[in-house]
Amino acid sequence: MKQKQERRRTLPLICLILTVLLALTGVELYRSNYTLTVSRYTVCSEKVTGAVCVVLLTDLHGREFGKDNRQLLEKIAAEKPDLIALAGDIFNHDADADEIDRMCSFIQRAAEIAPVYFGMGNHEAERVATYDGDLLERIRQSGAVVLDAEYLDLEVDGTPVRLGGYMGHYRTPHLNTDDPVLMDKYNRFFDDFEDTDRFKLLLNHVPTNWVDWDYTDKYPVDLVLSGHYHGGLIRIPFLEQGLIAPYVGLFPPHTKGMFSGSQATCILTTGLAGSRLPRFFNPPEIAVVDILPAA
């Protein structure tokens, strides 16, 4: 009899606990997938003569934050950036016409805020290779400068900058292709991109070389802006540990933050979406990078 009474008292408590846990899980799922956050980084260099503000966005994967991405655009505009860096996977590789129209519209509106530079992600590269070679032209028509193993020289607030874009593993083209023509193109890009006294800013979607293979101590690139890892998709609270990352697997050692070596600095953003997979303890991230003169 006592056991029945205890079970009757315990059951409502268990139901209450489960209800609270489900509610908290729902709240966190909403926060991790729909609530935009801003992370700020500061990089100092003797090559810089004035402050340069870069807004870095990656891994949008066709998502919208508010109608016509209004919330995202408002966040970008509030930072008053000198340039906007879209470092890959803004589109999904199998994007339909509606997604392409929406993302191109977003790029067009972003370009009204500041110059937009588009570095290829693996999804755009796959799309161009297998579905639609016209995607890059659509992006250009929307107002962005596309950098696909290419660079350009520009001045930002009086600072000479060499801005480049590369999708894959830097200085290891064999990981992306066995085509000798493409390998030669990539190697010439690496050599030419590094051959300057300008501040070198590289949009490099895949961060593996820089954050996992110590390339920040090997190659003279002042600042690398990366994504691709989605922050580990699910982040373990209090440990700053991501669960899984493409090309790395479970419990990747580095999924977010600024990584500096003797030759280069890499900023790795968690991005804005999860390639159609839900994020958890990992809200969408806008990275704001202030590049300042060395003291």
Protein backbone atom coordinates (compact mmCIF):
# COMPACT_ATOMS: atom_id res chain seq x y z
CA MET A 1 0.00 0.00 0.00
CA LYS A 2 2.81 2.40 0.93
CA GLN A 3 4.61 1.59 -2.32
CA LYS A 4 1.48 2.47 -4.33
CA GLN A 5 1.15 5.76 -2.46
CA GLU A 6 4.81 6.58 -3.06
CA ARG A 7 4.45 5.80 -6.77
CA ARG A 8 1.40 8.05 -6.94
CA ARG A 9 3.38 10.87 -5.34
CA THR A 10 6.45 10.23 -7.49
CA LEU A 11 4.72 10.01 -10.86
CA PRO A 12 3.54 13.68 -10.97
CA LEU A 13 7.06 14.79 -9.98
CA ILE A 14 8.60 12.74 -12.79
CA CYS A 15 6.05 14.14 -15.25
CA LEU A 16 6.84 17.66 -14.08
CA ILE A 17 10.59 17.13 -14.47
CA LEU A 18 10.14 15.66 -17.95
CA THR A 19 7.86 18.53 -18.96
CA VAL A 20 10.42 21.08 -17.75
CA LEU A 21 13.24 19.28 -19.57
CA LEU A 22 11.23 19.14 -22.79
CA ALA A 23 10.38 22.83 -22.49
CA LEU A 24 14.03 23.75 -21.89
CA THR A 25 15.09 21.59 -24.82
CA GLY A 26 12.56 23.35 -27.05
CA VAL A 27 13.77 26.76 -25.91
CA GLU A 28 17.39 25.83 -26.56
CA LEU A 29 16.58 24.37 -29.97
CA TYR A 30 14.87 27.62 -30.91
CA ARG A 31 17.78 29.72 -29.62
CA SER A 32 20.35 27.55 -31.39
CA ASN A 33 18.62 27.75 -34.74
CA TYR A 34 16.85 31.12 -34.88
CA THR A 35 18.52 33.59 -32.49
CA LEU A 36 21.35 35.52 -34.13
CA THR A 37 24.43 36.22 -32.04
CA VAL A 38 27.48 38.39 -32.70
CA SER A 39 31.03 37.34 -31.86
CA ARG A 40 33.78 39.95 -31.97
CA TYR A 41 37.46 39.52 -32.78
CA THR A 42 40.34 41.97 -32.96
CA VAL A 43 43.42 41.46 -35.11
CA CYS A 44 46.35 43.88 -35.02
CA SER A 45 48.93 44.28 -37.77
CA GLU A 46 51.77 46.63 -38.64
CA LYS A 47 50.54 46.54 -42.24
CA VAL A 48 47.30 48.27 -41.30
CA THR A 49 47.10 52.06 -41.22
CA GLY A 50 43.46 52.48 -40.19
CA ALA A 51 40.67 50.43 -38.66
CA VAL A 52 39.03 47.92 -40.99
CA CYS A 53 35.78 46.24 -39.99
CA VAL A 54 34.84 42.94 -41.65
CA VAL A 55 31.55 41.13 -41.13
CA LEU A 56 32.09 37.41 -41.71
CA LEU A 57 29.19 35.13 -42.63
CA THR A 58 29.37 31.45 -43.53
CA ASP A 59 27.16 28.39 -43.81
CA LEU A 60 23.83 30.09 -44.27
CA HIS A 61 22.69 27.07 -46.32
CA GLY A 62 19.70 28.85 -47.79
CA ARG A 63 18.24 29.85 -44.40
CA GLU A 64 16.39 33.06 -43.70
CA PHE A 65 16.30 35.03 -40.48
CA GLY A 66 13.12 37.04 -40.74
CA LYS A 67 11.30 37.75 -43.96
CA ASP A 68 13.82 38.39 -46.74
CA ASN A 69 16.58 37.90 -44.13
CA ARG A 70 15.65 41.23 -42.59
CA GLN A 71 17.00 40.35 -39.14
CA LEU A 72 20.35 39.28 -40.55
CA LEU A 73 20.66 42.37 -42.73
CA GLU A 74 19.82 44.65 -39.79
CA LYS A 75 22.55 43.01 -37.70
CA ILE A 76 25.06 43.48 -40.51
CA ALA A 77 24.12 47.12 -41.06
CA ALA A 78 24.44 47.88 -37.35
CA GLU A 79 28.16 47.00 -37.50
CA LYS A 80 28.86 49.55 -40.27
CA PRO A 81 31.36 47.20 -41.95
CA ASP A 82 33.96 48.21 -44.51
CA LEU A 83 33.39 44.92 -46.26
CA ILE A 84 31.23 41.82 -45.96
CA ALA A 85 32.93 38.44 -46.36
CA LEU A 86 30.72 35.54 -47.40
CA ALA A 87 33.07 32.62 -46.90
CA GLY A 88 31.13 29.76 -48.42
CA ASP A 89 28.06 27.55 -48.21
CA ILE A 90 25.59 30.39 -48.45
CA PHE A 91 23.71 28.11 -50.86
CA ASN A 92 23.01 24.39 -50.62
CA HIS A 93 24.47 22.27 -53.39
CA ASP A 94 20.96 21.18 -54.44
CA ALA A 95 19.32 24.58 -54.05
CA ASP A 96 16.14 24.98 -56.05
CA ALA A 97 15.25 28.11 -58.01
CA ASP A 98 13.45 29.64 -55.03
CA GLU A 99 16.46 29.25 -52.74
CA ILE A 100 18.80 30.71 -55.33
CA ASP A 101 16.50 33.70 -55.81
CA ARG A 102 16.26 34.25 -52.03
CA MET A 103 19.98 34.03 -51.44
CA CYS A 104 20.81 36.25 -54.41
CA SER A 105 18.29 38.77 -53.10
CA PHE A 106 20.05 38.65 -49.72
CA ILE A 107 23.43 39.24 -51.38
CA GLN A 108 22.00 42.17 -53.34
CA ARG A 109 20.69 43.80 -50.16
CA ALA A 110 23.94 43.12 -48.31
CA ALA A 111 25.85 44.83 -51.12
CA GLU A 112 23.83 47.97 -50.44
CA ILE A 113 25.39 48.02 -46.95
CA ALA A 114 29.05 47.41 -47.91
CA PRO A 115 31.10 45.73 -50.64
CA VAL A 116 30.48 41.97 -50.64
CA TYR A 117 33.19 39.41 -51.41
CA PHE A 118 32.15 35.81 -51.97
CA GLY A 119 34.50 32.89 -51.31
CA MET A 120 33.42 29.48 -52.52
CA GLY A 121 32.24 26.78 -50.13
CA ASN A 122 32.07 23.07 -50.84
CA HIS A 123 28.33 23.34 -51.53
CA GLU A 124 28.79 26.04 -54.17
CA ALA A 125 31.69 24.10 -55.69
CA GLU A 126 29.57 20.95 -55.93
CA ARG A 127 26.65 22.91 -57.35
CA VAL A 128 28.79 24.47 -60.06
CA ALA A 129 30.48 21.16 -60.93
CA THR A 130 27.38 18.98 -61.09
CA TYR A 131 24.25 21.10 -61.50
CA ASP A 132 24.51 24.69 -62.51
CA GLY A 133 27.61 26.41 -63.78
CA ASP A 134 25.68 29.68 -63.93
CA LEU A 135 25.43 30.06 -60.14
CA LEU A 136 28.59 32.14 -59.89
CA GLU A 137 27.30 34.52 -62.55
CA ARG A 138 24.06 34.90 -60.59
CA ILE A 139 26.08 35.79 -57.51
CA ARG A 140 28.10 38.35 -59.46
CA GLN A 141 24.94 39.88 -60.89
CA SER A 142 23.67 40.24 -57.32
CA GLY A 143 26.55 42.56 -56.53
CA ALA A 144 29.23 40.34 -54.99
CA VAL A 145 32.80 39.84 -56.14
CA VAL A 146 33.38 36.08 -56.49
CA LEU A 147 36.84 34.79 -55.58
CA ASP A 148 37.36 31.18 -56.67
CA ALA A 149 41.09 30.50 -56.24
CA GLU A 150 41.49 34.16 -57.16
CA TYR A 151 42.53 37.39 -55.47
CA LEU A 152 42.34 41.12 -55.97
CA ASP A 153 44.21 44.09 -54.57
CA LEU A 154 42.21 46.90 -53.00
CA GLU A 155 42.51 49.71 -50.50
CA VAL A 156 40.29 49.79 -47.44
CA ASP A 157 40.41 53.04 -45.49
CA GLY A 158 43.92 53.65 -46.82
CA THR A 159 45.18 50.15 -46.01
CA PRO A 160 46.46 48.10 -48.98
CA VAL A 161 44.77 44.70 -48.83
CA ARG A 162 45.17 41.58 -50.93
CA LEU A 163 41.88 39.71 -50.66
CA GLY A 164 41.69 36.13 -51.87
CA GLY A 165 39.25 33.27 -51.88
CA TYR A 166 39.83 29.52 -51.83
CA MET A 167 37.41 26.75 -50.95
CA GLY A 168 39.48 23.77 -49.83
CA HIS A 169 42.65 22.66 -48.08
CA TYR A 170 45.21 25.43 -48.47
CA ARG A 171 48.52 24.34 -50.03
CA THR A 172 47.29 20.73 -50.33
CA PRO A 173 45.38 20.73 -53.64
CA HIS A 174 45.64 16.95 -54.00
CA LEU A 175 43.00 16.67 -51.29
CA ASN A 176 40.53 18.44 -53.57
CA THR A 177 41.46 17.25 -57.04
CA ASP A 178 43.75 14.97 -59.01
CA ASP A 179 43.32 17.10 -62.11
CA PRO A 180 46.83 18.39 -62.97
CA VAL A 181 45.41 21.51 -64.60
CA LEU A 182 43.47 22.47 -61.46
CA MET A 183 46.40 21.55 -59.21
CA ASP A 184 48.64 23.86 -61.23
CA LYS A 185 46.01 26.62 -61.02
CA TYR A 186 45.78 26.25 -57.24
CA ASN A 187 49.54 26.21 -56.71
CA ARG A 188 49.96 29.34 -58.83
CA PHE A 189 47.20 31.00 -56.81
CA PHE A 190 48.91 30.17 -53.50
CA ASP A 191 52.28 31.46 -54.70
CA ASP A 192 50.92 34.65 -56.24
CA PHE A 193 48.58 35.39 -53.34
CA GLU A 194 51.40 35.25 -50.79
CA ASP A 195 53.80 37.33 -52.91
CA THR A 196 52.94 40.80 -51.60
CA ASP A 197 53.66 43.24 -48.80
CA ARG A 198 49.97 44.07 -48.55
CA PHE A 199 47.81 42.81 -45.70
CA LYS A 200 46.73 39.37 -46.91
CA LEU A 201 43.12 38.46 -46.14
CA LEU A 202 41.96 35.02 -47.28
CA LEU A 203 38.42 33.64 -47.38
CA ASN A 204 39.14 29.93 -46.97
CA HIS A 205 35.99 27.97 -46.31
CA VAL A 206 37.68 24.79 -45.04
CA PRO A 207 39.74 25.61 -41.91
CA THR A 208 41.45 22.24 -41.42
CA ASN A 209 44.95 23.32 -42.45
CA TRP A 210 44.91 26.39 -40.27
CA VAL A 211 43.32 25.16 -37.04
CA ASP A 212 44.24 21.45 -37.06
CA TRP A 213 47.48 21.20 -39.04
CA ASP A 214 49.38 24.23 -37.68
CA TYR A 215 49.52 26.06 -41.01
CA THR A 216 49.34 29.29 -39.02
CA ASP A 217 53.05 28.65 -38.31
CA LYS A 218 53.88 27.72 -41.91
CA TYR A 219 52.43 30.14 -44.45
CA PRO A 220 52.46 33.96 -44.45
CA VAL A 221 48.76 34.79 -44.66
CA ASP A 222 47.90 37.60 -42.27
CA LEU A 223 44.27 36.66 -41.68
CA VAL A 224 42.20 33.66 -42.73
CA LEU A 225 38.40 33.68 -42.40
CA SER A 226 36.81 30.23 -42.28
CA GLY A 227 33.65 28.26 -41.52
CA HIS A 228 32.54 24.79 -42.65
CA TYR A 229 32.66 23.09 -39.22
CA HIS A 230 29.29 24.53 -38.09
CA GLY A 231 30.74 24.90 -34.59
CA GLY A 232 30.57 21.15 -34.22
CA LEU A 233 26.80 21.35 -34.83
CA ILE A 234 26.05 20.36 -31.22
CA ARG A 235 28.22 22.11 -28.65
CA ILE A 236 28.81 20.64 -25.21
CA PRO A 237 27.94 23.32 -22.62
CA PHE A 238 30.74 24.79 -20.49
CA LEU A 239 33.42 22.78 -22.34
CA GLU A 240 33.37 24.79 -25.61
CA GLN A 241 33.52 21.44 -27.39
CA GLY A 242 31.74 20.63 -30.64
CA LEU A 243 30.37 17.18 -31.34
CA ILE A 244 31.15 16.61 -35.03
CA ALA A 245 32.78 18.44 -37.94
CA PRO A 246 33.05 17.65 -41.67
CA TYR A 247 36.40 16.10 -42.67
CA VAL A 248 37.32 15.68 -38.98
CA GLY A 249 34.67 13.49 -37.36
CA LEU A 250 33.60 13.23 -33.74
CA PHE A 251 34.87 15.61 -31.06
CA PRO A 252 36.96 17.86 -33.32
CA PRO A 253 39.60 19.73 -31.32
CA HIS A 254 38.81 23.17 -32.78
CA THR A 255 35.42 24.40 -33.99
CA LYS A 256 35.25 28.07 -33.03
CA GLY A 257 37.48 31.02 -32.22
CA MET A 258 40.70 32.75 -33.19
CA PHE A 259 43.87 30.73 -33.77
CA SER A 260 47.20 32.52 -34.16
CA GLY A 261 50.66 31.32 -35.10
CA SER A 262 53.93 32.90 -36.14
CA GLN A 263 52.77 33.36 -39.75
CA ALA A 264 48.99 33.65 -39.81
CA THR A 265 45.80 34.07 -37.80
CA CYS A 266 42.62 32.13 -38.53
CA ILE A 267 39.16 33.12 -37.34
CA LEU A 268 36.74 30.20 -37.43
CA THR A 269 33.06 31.05 -37.16
CA THR A 270 30.34 28.56 -36.26
CA GLY A 271 28.27 29.93 -39.14
CA LEU A 272 24.55 30.44 -39.38
CA ALA A 273 22.96 27.05 -40.04
CA GLY A 274 23.69 23.33 -40.09
CA SER A 275 23.18 22.17 -43.65
CA ARG A 276 19.57 21.24 -42.86
CA LEU A 277 20.55 19.62 -39.56
CA PRO A 278 19.50 21.23 -36.26
CA ARG A 279 22.06 22.94 -34.05
CA PHE A 280 22.07 22.63 -30.27
CA PHE A 281 23.77 24.88 -27.70
CA ASN A 282 25.14 26.56 -30.81
CA PRO A 283 23.26 29.72 -31.88
CA PRO A 284 23.79 31.20 -35.36
CA GLU A 285 26.86 33.40 -35.38
CA ILE A 286 27.82 36.60 -37.13
CA ALA A 287 31.55 37.20 -36.73
CA VAL A 288 32.71 40.81 -36.62
CA VAL A 289 36.45 41.24 -37.16
CA ASP A 290 38.16 44.54 -36.40
CA ILE A 291 41.58 44.77 -38.06
CA LEU A 292 43.59 47.48 -36.33
CA PRO A 293 47.07 49.01 -36.56
CA ALA A 294 49.57 47.41 -34.23
CA ALA A 295 50.17 49.51 -31.15
